[in-house]
Amino acid sequence: MITTFAAIDVGSYNVTMEIFEMSKTKGLHSINRVRQRLELGKDAYNDKKISRERIEELCHILTDFKLIMQEYQVSGFKACAKSALRESRNGSMVIAQVFQRTGILIHVLSNSEQRFLGYKSIASKEDDFHKMIEEGTAIVDVGGGSIQISLFDKDVLVATQNIPLGSLRIRERLSCMENNTPNYEQLVEELIQQEIYNFKRLYLKDRNITNFILMGDYFTNLIFQNRSSKSKTTTKEDFMEWYKHMIRRSPRDLALEMGVPMEHASVIIPSAVLYRRLIEELGAEVIWLPGIALTDGIAYDYGEKNKFIKTRHNFEDDIIMAAKNMGRRYGSSKPHIQSMEKIADSIFDSVKRTYGMSPREKLLLKVAVLLHDCGKYISLANVSQCSYNIIMSTEIIGLSHKEREIIAQVVKYNTEPFEYYSEVLHDTDLSEAEYMRVANLTAILRLANVLDRSHMQKIERLRITRKEDQLILNIETKKDFTLEQGLFLAKADFFEEVYNIKPVIKLKKLI
């Protein structure tokens, strides 16, 4: 069976729709792409609001897209927006108006969701992708509002960071100075230099980057002369030759040479300078443009969730690895974390079926375990709040903003008194159901943490059984378990309140 799906990308300077066919036998195949110019980013980055005129244009474009979808008889579609709507003060009003007039609901991606979809679209080219990330590799995802740099080594994601230096944002920030300098290239370089240096100092260190995977948007393909938007490999030397050729040219000359509007040509120079500095600082010799866009990632995600596509890359492992690297950066105790992981997994598995808890919730619990004491790096007196702030301030690629908030709340309430939904209603974006997930995971985290309170990994063996209204934790140990048993009762009370099951320790002392 073949399914037809439409992916819509509401970007900073154009709106793109791509129609895909997908099936279990043939996988994912693009059959048409339509792009309409619309500079939402110009409003968003300058005025922090989308103007009425731009909303009108967006509605007209999406109405036309609906007609095209009808022609192709699409069975599903998804529209996603990125930084332009994410940073607009009236973004929610724009979404409501567009939905009312077109019937298309735009999902505003968090930065980590956006980059994860982009990352998934690269992974769709499995053979090339897996071969490349066996060596030191940087995936650089450039948009109108920001760039995301993700570092891989030996098939593992080791670091990822967002920098608010997108091509359109750079142009808008420098637009009032462009005519006041004879060296616009140097102006761009001065603006971006410190941010790139900070990334290199904090995350690159002694890591060797061999490959540079560059994904982005319309301008990425323009700059690298990848007009067909197909997969292309180039070298650092070839790019530098082209860079020297174009850097002194005026926007008018570039527009004529490349066959693009003047407005687009004005973004090319800041984009090219940004690419040059990244290539130089990361030190890669091979540059791969996989020829993909966000629409590929949206379609790939849909196909994967609906079992049209199978991938051999485990994306959840990347989320876990990102959390482990965060924990390592903030000095978490590895033996304690490993002990808590085993305990938390066992408790979760014992209640998941009765309470309808999903594998995704188990993933969130695992991340909470990995990060539950990261705040100690900042303050031993205020661990919970510092841990909360670290998690909320750090992008974890693959997690939505709400999922990150759930994890941060779980970590906070690991040691702080739990606040009920009615008490925090006005201070959280989480729904009541989502907040209940916080309570569920907090109850498990508290038990797991208290059972290794001494950080001495006293439990030799743990077996959990259910008996009527009791959760019996059969623990075998060779060490004195008095501390853990004494502190267990207070944590067990909250678990009983949440799950209506009383946790009970049955201790067997090993000789």
Protein backbone atom coordinates (compact mmCIF):
# COMPACT_ATOMS: atom_id res chain seq x y z
CA MET A 1 0.00 0.00 0.00
CA ILE A 2 1.30 3.45 -0.97
CA THR A 3 0.51 6.48 1.22
CA THR A 4 0.77 10.05 -0.03
CA PHE A 5 1.91 12.59 2.55
CA ALA A 6 2.51 16.36 2.43
CA ALA A 7 5.15 18.05 4.61
CA ILE A 8 4.99 21.83 4.97
CA ASP A 9 7.88 23.94 6.26
CA VAL A 10 6.93 27.49 7.31
CA GLY A 11 10.44 28.99 7.28
CA SER A 12 12.07 32.35 7.83
CA TYR A 13 12.10 33.40 4.16
CA ASN A 14 9.94 30.92 2.30
CA VAL A 15 7.13 28.40 2.75
CA THR A 16 7.81 24.99 1.24
CA MET A 17 5.56 22.00 0.66
CA GLU A 18 6.90 18.64 -0.44
CA ILE A 19 4.69 15.72 -1.48
CA PHE A 20 5.96 12.23 -0.68
CA GLU A 21 4.92 8.71 -1.49
CA MET A 22 5.80 6.07 1.10
CA SER A 23 5.33 2.33 1.40
CA LYS A 24 6.83 -0.54 3.39
CA THR A 25 8.47 -1.97 0.28
CA LYS A 26 9.82 1.22 -1.35
CA GLY A 27 10.29 3.49 1.66
CA LEU A 28 10.15 7.26 1.15
CA HIS A 29 10.08 8.98 -2.24
CA SER A 30 9.58 12.70 -3.05
CA ILE A 31 7.27 13.37 -6.00
CA ASN A 32 6.88 17.18 -5.94
CA ARG A 33 8.18 20.26 -4.14
CA VAL A 34 6.59 23.73 -4.16
CA ARG A 35 8.24 26.81 -2.67
CA GLN A 36 6.79 30.30 -2.15
CA ARG A 37 8.85 33.26 -0.97
CA LEU A 38 7.63 34.82 2.29
CA GLU A 39 10.01 36.62 4.65
CA LEU A 40 8.39 35.95 8.01
CA GLY A 41 11.84 36.21 9.57
CA LYS A 42 12.16 39.84 8.54
CA ASP A 43 9.16 40.67 10.74
CA ALA A 44 10.11 38.27 13.52
CA TYR A 45 13.74 39.32 13.98
CA ASN A 46 13.14 43.04 13.56
CA ASP A 47 9.71 43.67 15.10
CA LYS A 48 9.17 40.48 17.13
CA LYS A 49 5.71 40.28 15.51
CA ILE A 50 4.31 38.95 12.25
CA SER A 51 2.55 41.74 10.39
CA ARG A 52 -1.02 41.54 9.14
CA GLU A 53 0.24 41.64 5.53
CA ARG A 54 2.48 38.61 6.09
CA ILE A 55 -0.37 36.69 7.74
CA GLU A 56 -2.52 37.40 4.68
CA GLU A 57 0.22 36.13 2.38
CA LEU A 58 0.75 33.01 4.50
CA CYS A 59 -2.98 32.18 4.38
CA HIS A 60 -3.04 32.59 0.58
CA ILE A 61 0.00 30.33 0.19
CA LEU A 62 -1.40 27.61 2.44
CA THR A 63 -4.80 27.78 0.70
CA ASP A 64 -3.00 27.14 -2.61
CA PHE A 65 -1.10 24.29 -0.97
CA LYS A 66 -4.39 22.70 0.11
CA LEU A 67 -5.54 22.68 -3.52
CA ILE A 68 -2.32 20.95 -4.54
CA MET A 69 -2.80 18.38 -1.77
CA GLN A 70 -6.27 17.65 -3.10
CA GLU A 71 -4.84 17.07 -6.58
CA TYR A 72 -2.39 14.52 -5.16
CA GLN A 73 -5.07 13.01 -2.87
CA VAL A 74 -2.80 13.13 0.15
CA SER A 75 -3.88 10.97 3.07
CA GLY A 76 -1.97 12.95 5.68
CA PHE A 77 -0.04 16.18 6.13
CA LYS A 78 1.87 18.13 8.76
CA ALA A 79 2.83 21.80 8.80
CA CYS A 80 5.75 22.90 10.97
CA ALA A 81 7.18 26.35 11.73
CA LYS A 82 10.64 27.21 13.04
CA SER A 83 12.30 30.21 14.66
CA ALA A 84 10.31 32.95 12.90
CA LEU A 85 7.03 31.94 14.53
CA ARG A 86 8.75 30.60 17.63
CA GLU A 87 10.22 34.03 18.39
CA SER A 88 7.20 36.13 17.40
CA ARG A 89 5.21 37.61 20.26
CA ASN A 90 1.99 37.06 18.30
CA GLY A 91 2.87 33.56 17.12
CA SER A 92 -0.14 31.93 18.79
CA MET A 93 -2.45 34.49 17.15
CA VAL A 94 -0.92 33.75 13.75
CA ILE A 95 -1.48 30.03 14.23
CA ALA A 96 -5.11 30.57 15.29
CA GLN A 97 -5.88 32.83 12.32
CA VAL A 98 -4.22 30.50 9.83
CA PHE A 99 -6.12 27.49 11.18
CA GLN A 100 -9.44 29.34 11.13
CA ARG A 101 -8.97 30.45 7.52
CA THR A 102 -7.22 27.45 5.97
CA GLY A 103 -7.87 24.46 8.24
CA ILE A 104 -4.10 23.89 8.47
CA LEU A 105 -2.76 23.73 12.01
CA ILE A 106 0.86 24.84 12.20
CA HIS A 107 2.97 23.07 14.81
CA VAL A 108 5.70 25.38 16.11
CA LEU A 109 8.78 23.24 16.66
CA SER A 110 11.02 23.80 19.64
CA ASN A 111 14.65 24.15 18.61
CA SER A 112 15.47 20.59 19.71
CA GLU A 113 12.45 19.18 17.81
CA GLN A 114 13.45 21.10 14.69
CA ARG A 115 17.05 19.89 14.76
CA PHE A 116 15.98 16.34 15.54
CA LEU A 117 13.77 16.25 12.45
CA GLY A 118 16.66 17.60 10.40
CA TYR A 119 18.93 14.97 11.89
CA LYS A 120 16.37 12.26 11.04
CA SER A 121 16.26 13.44 7.45
CA ILE A 122 20.06 12.99 7.19
CA ALA A 123 19.77 9.54 8.75
CA SER A 124 17.33 8.62 5.96
CA LYS A 125 20.42 8.41 3.74
CA GLU A 126 21.57 5.54 5.91
CA ASP A 127 24.62 4.17 4.12
CA ASP A 128 26.31 7.54 3.64
CA PHE A 129 25.32 8.75 7.11
CA HIS A 130 26.57 5.74 9.07
CA LYS A 131 29.81 5.55 7.14
CA MET A 132 30.55 9.22 7.82
CA ILE A 133 29.78 9.36 11.55
CA GLU A 134 32.18 6.52 12.29
CA GLU A 135 34.83 9.27 12.22
CA GLY A 136 34.77 12.70 13.88
CA THR A 137 31.85 14.46 12.19
CA ALA A 138 30.05 17.77 12.67
CA ILE A 139 26.47 18.18 11.49
CA VAL A 140 25.87 21.89 10.95
CA ASP A 141 22.23 22.84 10.48
CA VAL A 142 21.88 26.45 9.33
CA GLY A 143 18.56 28.27 9.36
CA GLY A 144 17.41 31.85 9.04
CA GLY A 145 17.41 32.37 12.82
CA SER A 146 20.12 30.10 14.22
CA ILE A 147 22.59 27.29 13.63
CA GLN A 148 22.85 23.96 15.42
CA ILE A 149 26.20 22.18 15.63
CA SER A 150 26.14 18.48 16.56
CA LEU A 151 29.33 16.50 17.02
CA PHE A 152 29.56 12.74 16.37
CA ASP A 153 32.40 10.36 17.09
CA LYS A 154 32.35 6.58 16.53
CA ASP A 155 28.62 6.61 15.66
CA VAL A 156 27.74 8.42 18.90
CA LEU A 157 26.35 11.92 19.39
CA VAL A 158 28.78 13.56 21.82
CA ALA A 159 27.61 17.21 21.88
CA THR A 160 25.03 19.50 20.35
CA GLN A 161 24.56 23.25 20.76
CA ASN A 162 22.36 25.97 19.30
CA ILE A 163 23.83 29.38 18.42
CA PRO A 164 21.48 32.28 17.48
CA LEU A 165 23.39 33.23 14.33
CA GLY A 166 21.17 32.31 11.39
CA SER A 167 21.77 33.86 7.99
CA LEU A 168 18.67 36.07 7.98
CA ARG A 169 19.21 37.17 11.59
CA ILE A 170 22.79 38.25 10.73
CA ARG A 171 21.57 40.23 7.74
CA GLU A 172 18.86 42.00 9.76
CA ARG A 173 21.22 42.86 12.62
CA LEU A 174 23.75 44.42 10.25
CA SER A 175 21.36 46.03 7.77
CA CYS A 176 21.71 49.51 9.27
CA MET A 177 25.54 49.32 9.04
CA GLU A 178 25.98 47.67 5.66
CA ASN A 179 26.29 50.93 3.72
CA ASN A 180 28.64 52.48 6.29
CA THR A 181 31.54 50.10 5.79
CA PRO A 182 33.73 49.23 2.79
CA ASN A 183 34.30 45.75 4.26
CA TYR A 184 30.97 44.07 4.96
CA GLU A 185 32.70 40.67 5.17
CA GLN A 186 34.75 41.83 8.17
CA LEU A 187 31.63 43.20 9.87
CA VAL A 188 29.91 39.82 9.60
CA GLU A 189 33.01 38.06 10.86
CA GLU A 190 33.29 40.31 13.91
CA LEU A 191 29.65 39.65 14.77
CA ILE A 192 29.91 35.84 14.66
CA GLN A 193 33.52 35.26 15.72
CA GLN A 194 33.14 35.11 19.49
CA GLU A 195 30.16 32.74 19.39
CA ILE A 196 32.03 30.29 17.15
CA TYR A 197 35.13 30.55 19.33
CA ASN A 198 33.07 29.85 22.48
CA PHE A 199 31.61 26.71 20.91
CA LYS A 200 35.05 25.49 19.89
CA ARG A 201 36.50 26.17 23.35
CA LEU A 202 33.67 24.47 25.24
CA TYR A 203 32.81 21.51 23.02
CA LEU A 204 35.51 20.82 20.45
CA LYS A 205 38.69 20.87 22.56
CA ASP A 206 40.98 18.09 21.25
CA ARG A 207 38.31 16.40 19.13
CA ASN A 208 39.29 15.88 15.49
CA ILE A 209 36.61 16.67 12.91
CA THR A 210 37.12 14.94 9.58
CA ASN A 211 33.69 15.39 8.00
CA PHE A 212 31.39 18.38 7.81
CA ILE A 213 27.73 17.54 7.06
CA LEU A 214 25.99 20.74 6.06
CA MET A 215 22.25 20.95 6.00
CA GLY A 216 20.18 24.05 5.93
CA ASP A 217 17.78 25.60 3.51
CA TYR A 218 17.46 27.23 0.15
CA PHE A 219 20.55 29.40 0.70
CA THR A 220 22.76 26.46 1.58
CA ASN A 221 22.19 24.97 -1.85
CA LEU A 222 22.61 28.36 -3.50
CA ILE A 223 25.98 29.03 -1.86
CA PHE A 224 27.36 25.59 -2.61
CA GLN A 225 25.93 25.69 -6.13
CA ASN A 226 23.88 22.58 -5.45
CA ARG A 227 21.05 23.66 -7.71
CA SER A 228 19.50 20.22 -8.01
CA SER A 229 19.30 19.87 -4.19
CA LYS A 230 20.77 16.37 -4.56
CA SER A 231 23.46 14.80 -2.43
CA LYS A 232 26.80 16.44 -3.15
CA THR A 233 30.32 16.20 -1.72
CA THR A 234 32.84 19.00 -2.03
CA THR A 235 36.19 19.90 -0.50
CA LYS A 236 37.33 22.75 1.66
CA GLU A 237 39.60 23.95 -1.18
CA ASP A 238 36.76 24.05 -3.73
CA PHE A 239 34.56 26.04 -1.37
CA MET A 240 37.36 28.52 -0.64
CA GLU A 241 37.92 29.09 -4.36
CA TRP A 242 34.26 29.89 -4.86
CA TYR A 243 34.26 32.06 -1.73
CA LYS A 244 37.11 34.23 -3.05
CA HIS A 245 35.24 34.64 -6.32
CA MET A 246 32.00 35.92 -4.80
CA ILE A 247 32.90 37.69 -1.56
CA ARG A 248 33.67 41.08 -3.14
CA ARG A 249 30.67 41.05 -5.44
CA SER A 250 27.67 43.27 -4.81
CA PRO A 251 24.22 41.82 -4.05
CA ARG A 252 23.10 43.04 -7.50
CA ASP A 253 25.91 41.12 -9.23
CA LEU A 254 25.19 38.02 -7.16
CA ALA A 255 21.48 38.23 -7.97
CA LEU A 256 22.24 38.34 -11.70
CA GLU A 257 24.85 35.59 -11.55
CA MET A 258 22.73 33.21 -9.46
CA GLY A 259 19.35 34.08 -10.89
CA VAL A 260 17.77 35.04 -7.56
CA PRO A 261 15.90 38.13 -6.29
CA MET A 262 17.97 40.94 -4.74
CA GLU A 263 16.41 40.26 -1.35
CA HIS A 264 17.81 36.72 -1.46
CA ALA A 265 21.19 37.78 -2.78
CA SER A 266 21.65 40.04 0.27
CA VAL A 267 21.64 36.95 2.51
CA ILE A 268 24.32 35.10 0.53
CA ILE A 269 27.38 37.01 1.82
CA PRO A 270 26.59 36.68 5.56
CA SER A 271 25.75 33.01 4.97
CA ALA A 272 29.02 32.40 3.10
CA VAL A 273 31.11 34.10 5.80
CA LEU A 274 29.38 32.00 8.43
CA TYR A 275 30.13 28.77 6.52
CA ARG A 276 33.76 29.79 5.96
CA ARG A 277 34.40 30.46 9.63
CA LEU A 278 32.74 27.20 10.69
CA ILE A 279 34.73 25.17 8.15
CA GLU A 280 37.97 26.82 9.27
CA GLU A 281 37.36 26.43 13.00
CA LEU A 282 36.10 22.85 12.83
CA GLY A 283 38.97 21.89 10.54
CA ALA A 284 37.05 19.48 8.31
CA GLU A 285 38.34 18.72 4.83
CA VAL A 286 35.29 16.94 3.37
CA ILE A 287 31.95 18.76 3.13
CA TRP A 288 28.82 16.71 2.45
CA LEU A 289 25.56 18.34 1.42
CA PRO A 290 23.02 15.52 1.69
CA GLY A 291 20.46 17.53 -0.31
CA ILE A 292 17.74 17.34 2.31
CA ALA A 293 15.42 19.84 3.95
CA LEU A 294 13.13 19.93 6.98
CA THR A 295 10.32 18.53 4.85
CA ASP A 296 12.33 15.30 4.46
CA GLY A 297 12.57 15.04 8.24
CA ILE A 298 8.85 15.68 8.76
CA ALA A 299 7.99 12.96 6.24
CA TYR A 300 10.62 10.56 7.61
CA ASP A 301 9.25 11.01 11.15
CA TYR A 302 5.70 10.33 9.92
CA GLY A 303 6.81 7.25 7.99
CA GLU A 304 8.78 5.90 10.94
CA LYS A 305 5.90 6.38 13.41
CA ASN A 306 3.45 4.73 11.02
CA LYS A 307 5.85 1.84 10.33
CA PHE A 308 6.42 2.61 6.64
CA ILE A 309 10.12 3.11 7.35
CA LYS A 310 12.59 1.15 9.43
CA THR A 311 15.91 2.61 10.48
CA ARG A 312 18.89 0.87 11.94
CA HIS A 313 19.95 4.00 13.80
CA ASN A 314 18.58 4.23 17.37
CA PHE A 315 17.60 7.86 17.87
CA GLU A 316 16.71 7.33 21.53
CA ASP A 317 20.31 6.34 22.15
CA ASP A 318 21.32 9.83 21.00
CA ILE A 319 18.99 11.40 23.58
CA ILE A 320 20.45 9.18 26.30
CA MET A 321 24.00 9.94 25.20
CA ALA A 322 23.31 13.70 25.24
CA ALA A 323 21.99 13.38 28.80
CA LYS A 324 24.99 11.28 29.86
CA ASN A 325 27.37 13.89 28.48
CA MET A 326 25.47 16.59 30.37
CA GLY A 327 25.73 14.58 33.59
CA ARG A 328 29.44 14.02 33.00
CA ARG A 329 29.98 17.75 32.41
CA TYR A 330 28.35 18.57 35.75
CA GLY A 331 30.17 15.90 37.75
CA SER A 332 27.44 13.32 38.36
CA SER A 333 28.49 10.15 40.21
CA LYS A 334 28.64 7.35 37.63
CA PRO A 335 28.27 4.37 40.07
CA HIS A 336 25.30 6.05 41.79
CA ILE A 337 23.65 6.84 38.45
CA GLN A 338 24.10 3.26 37.21
CA SER A 339 22.61 1.87 40.41
CA MET A 340 19.62 4.24 40.19
CA GLU A 341 19.04 3.34 36.53
CA LYS A 342 18.61 -0.35 37.40
CA ILE A 343 16.32 0.36 40.33
CA ALA A 344 14.19 2.90 38.44
CA ASP A 345 13.81 0.56 35.45
CA SER A 346 12.62 -2.27 37.72
CA ILE A 347 10.07 -0.06 39.51
CA PHE A 348 8.80 1.40 36.23
CA ASP A 349 8.35 -2.05 34.69
CA SER A 350 6.36 -3.19 37.73
CA VAL A 351 3.72 -0.43 37.35
CA LYS A 352 3.76 0.49 33.64
CA ARG A 353 1.03 -1.89 32.48
CA THR A 354 -1.47 -1.06 35.22
CA TYR A 355 -1.05 2.68 34.77
CA GLY A 356 -0.65 2.73 30.97
CA MET A 357 2.86 4.15 30.99
CA SER A 358 4.64 4.24 27.64
CA PRO A 359 8.22 3.56 26.52
CA ARG A 360 8.55 7.32 25.98
CA GLU A 361 7.86 7.91 29.68
CA LYS A 362 10.53 5.36 30.52
CA LEU A 363 12.95 7.36 28.38
CA LEU A 364 12.05 10.57 30.23
CA LEU A 365 12.60 8.78 33.55
CA LYS A 366 16.00 7.59 32.39
CA VAL A 367 17.04 11.13 31.45
CA ALA A 368 15.79 12.38 34.85
CA VAL A 369 17.94 9.76 36.59
CA LEU A 370 20.99 10.80 34.58
CA LEU A 371 20.52 14.48 35.46
CA HIS A 372 18.92 14.34 38.92
CA ASP A 373 21.92 15.86 40.74
CA CYS A 374 23.58 17.97 38.04
CA GLY A 375 22.83 21.11 40.07
CA LYS A 376 25.45 20.11 42.65
CA TYR A 377 28.00 21.52 40.23
CA ILE A 378 26.60 25.00 41.00
CA SER A 379 25.32 24.74 44.57
CA LEU A 380 25.27 22.00 47.19
CA ALA A 381 22.69 23.99 49.14
CA ASN A 382 20.19 24.45 46.30
CA VAL A 383 20.64 21.33 44.17
CA SER A 384 17.04 20.89 43.02
CA GLN A 385 16.52 24.42 41.69
CA CYS A 386 19.96 24.54 40.09
CA SER A 387 19.32 21.17 38.41
CA TYR A 388 15.98 22.48 37.14
CA ASN A 389 17.62 25.59 35.69
CA ILE A 390 20.40 23.60 33.99
CA ILE A 391 17.92 21.24 32.32
CA MET A 392 15.59 24.02 31.18
CA SER A 393 18.54 25.99 29.79
CA THR A 394 20.09 23.10 27.86
CA GLU A 395 18.76 21.76 24.55
CA ILE A 396 18.56 17.97 24.44
CA ILE A 397 18.16 17.07 20.80
CA GLY A 398 15.10 14.86 20.29
CA LEU A 399 13.10 16.11 23.27
CA SER A 400 10.35 18.68 22.96
CA HIS A 401 10.26 21.71 25.24
CA LYS A 402 7.42 20.14 27.22
CA GLU A 403 9.29 16.87 27.65
CA ARG A 404 12.29 18.81 28.91
CA GLU A 405 10.06 20.64 31.37
CA ILE A 406 8.62 17.33 32.60
CA ILE A 407 12.16 16.05 33.25
CA ALA A 408 13.19 19.29 34.97
CA GLN A 409 10.12 19.21 37.24
CA VAL A 410 10.74 15.55 38.14
CA VAL A 411 14.33 16.35 39.06
CA LYS A 412 13.24 19.37 41.13
CA TYR A 413 10.64 17.41 43.09
CA ASN A 414 13.07 14.58 43.75
CA THR A 415 14.09 16.50 46.86
CA GLU A 416 11.69 19.47 47.09
CA PRO A 417 8.13 19.07 48.46
CA PHE A 418 5.78 18.20 45.59
CA GLU A 419 3.45 20.98 44.46
CA TYR A 420 0.05 19.96 43.14
CA TYR A 421 -1.30 21.10 39.78
CA SER A 422 -3.75 23.60 41.32
CA GLU A 423 -0.78 25.27 43.04
CA VAL A 424 1.34 25.69 39.89
CA LEU A 425 -1.42 26.10 37.31
CA HIS A 426 -0.40 29.65 36.43
CA ASP A 427 3.34 28.95 36.38
CA THR A 428 3.55 26.05 33.93
CA ASP A 429 2.73 25.34 30.28
CA LEU A 430 2.02 21.70 31.12
CA SER A 431 -1.53 20.36 30.99
CA GLU A 432 -3.00 18.53 33.97
CA ALA A 433 -2.38 15.18 32.24
CA GLU A 434 1.24 16.13 31.52
CA TYR A 435 1.70 17.26 35.10
CA MET A 436 0.40 13.87 36.25
CA ARG A 437 3.31 12.36 34.34
CA VAL A 438 5.58 14.53 36.48
CA ALA A 439 4.00 13.02 39.62
CA ASN A 440 4.30 9.46 38.26
CA LEU A 441 7.97 9.78 37.39
CA THR A 442 8.84 11.76 40.53
CA ALA A 443 7.47 8.97 42.72
CA ILE A 444 9.71 6.42 40.97
CA LEU A 445 12.79 8.68 40.99
CA ARG A 446 12.43 9.29 44.73
CA LEU A 447 12.32 5.57 45.50
CA ALA A 448 15.27 4.82 43.21
CA ASN A 449 17.33 7.61 44.76
CA VAL A 450 16.63 6.70 48.39
CA LEU A 451 17.51 3.03 47.80
CA ASP A 452 21.08 4.17 47.04
CA ARG A 453 21.09 7.14 49.41
CA SER A 454 24.54 6.27 50.74
CA HIS A 455 25.96 6.08 47.17
CA MET A 456 27.46 2.74 48.23
CA GLN A 457 25.47 0.49 45.85
CA LYS A 458 24.41 -1.83 48.65
CA ILE A 459 21.80 -3.77 46.67
CA GLU A 460 23.15 -7.04 45.28
CA ARG A 461 19.85 -8.16 43.81
CA LEU A 462 16.41 -6.55 43.47
CA ARG A 463 13.19 -8.37 42.59
CA ILE A 464 9.86 -6.56 42.61
CA THR A 465 6.47 -8.27 42.97
CA ARG A 466 2.88 -7.05 43.29
CA LYS A 467 0.65 -8.41 46.05
CA GLU A 468 -2.80 -6.85 46.27
CA ASP A 469 -2.20 -3.21 47.30
CA GLN A 470 1.52 -3.65 48.00
CA LEU A 471 4.62 -3.32 45.85
CA ILE A 472 7.12 -5.64 47.48
CA LEU A 473 10.78 -4.83 46.92
CA ASN A 474 12.75 -7.99 47.62
CA ILE A 475 16.28 -6.74 48.31
CA GLU A 476 19.37 -8.87 48.86
CA THR A 477 22.40 -7.13 50.34
CA LYS A 478 25.65 -7.85 52.15
CA LYS A 479 25.81 -4.40 53.75
CA ASP A 480 24.00 -2.53 56.50
CA PHE A 481 20.78 -1.18 54.95
CA THR A 482 19.62 0.82 57.99
CA LEU A 483 20.04 4.28 56.40
CA GLU A 484 18.10 3.40 53.27
CA GLN A 485 15.31 1.67 55.20
CA GLY A 486 14.97 4.60 57.57
CA LEU A 487 14.66 7.18 54.81
CA PHE A 488 12.49 4.93 52.61
CA LEU A 489 9.22 5.47 54.51
CA ALA A 490 8.81 9.16 53.60
CA LYS A 491 9.43 8.44 49.89
CA ALA A 492 7.11 5.44 50.00
CA ASP A 493 4.24 7.64 51.24
CA PHE A 494 4.33 9.81 48.12
CA PHE A 495 4.57 6.73 45.87
CA GLU A 496 1.46 5.30 47.58
CA GLU A 497 -0.36 8.62 47.11
CA VAL A 498 0.40 8.64 43.37
CA TYR A 499 -0.05 4.95 42.52
CA ASN A 500 -2.34 3.76 45.34
CA ILE A 501 0.17 0.98 46.04
CA LYS A 502 2.24 0.77 49.21
CA PRO A 503 5.94 0.02 48.60
CA VAL A 504 7.34 -2.42 51.17
CA ILE A 505 10.96 -3.55 51.61
CA LYS A 506 11.63 -7.21 52.29
CA LEU A 507 15.28 -7.49 53.15
CA LYS A 508 17.47 -10.56 52.88
CA LYS A 509 20.96 -10.24 54.36
CA LEU A 510 23.58 -12.16 52.43
CA ILE A 511 26.54 -13.60 54.28
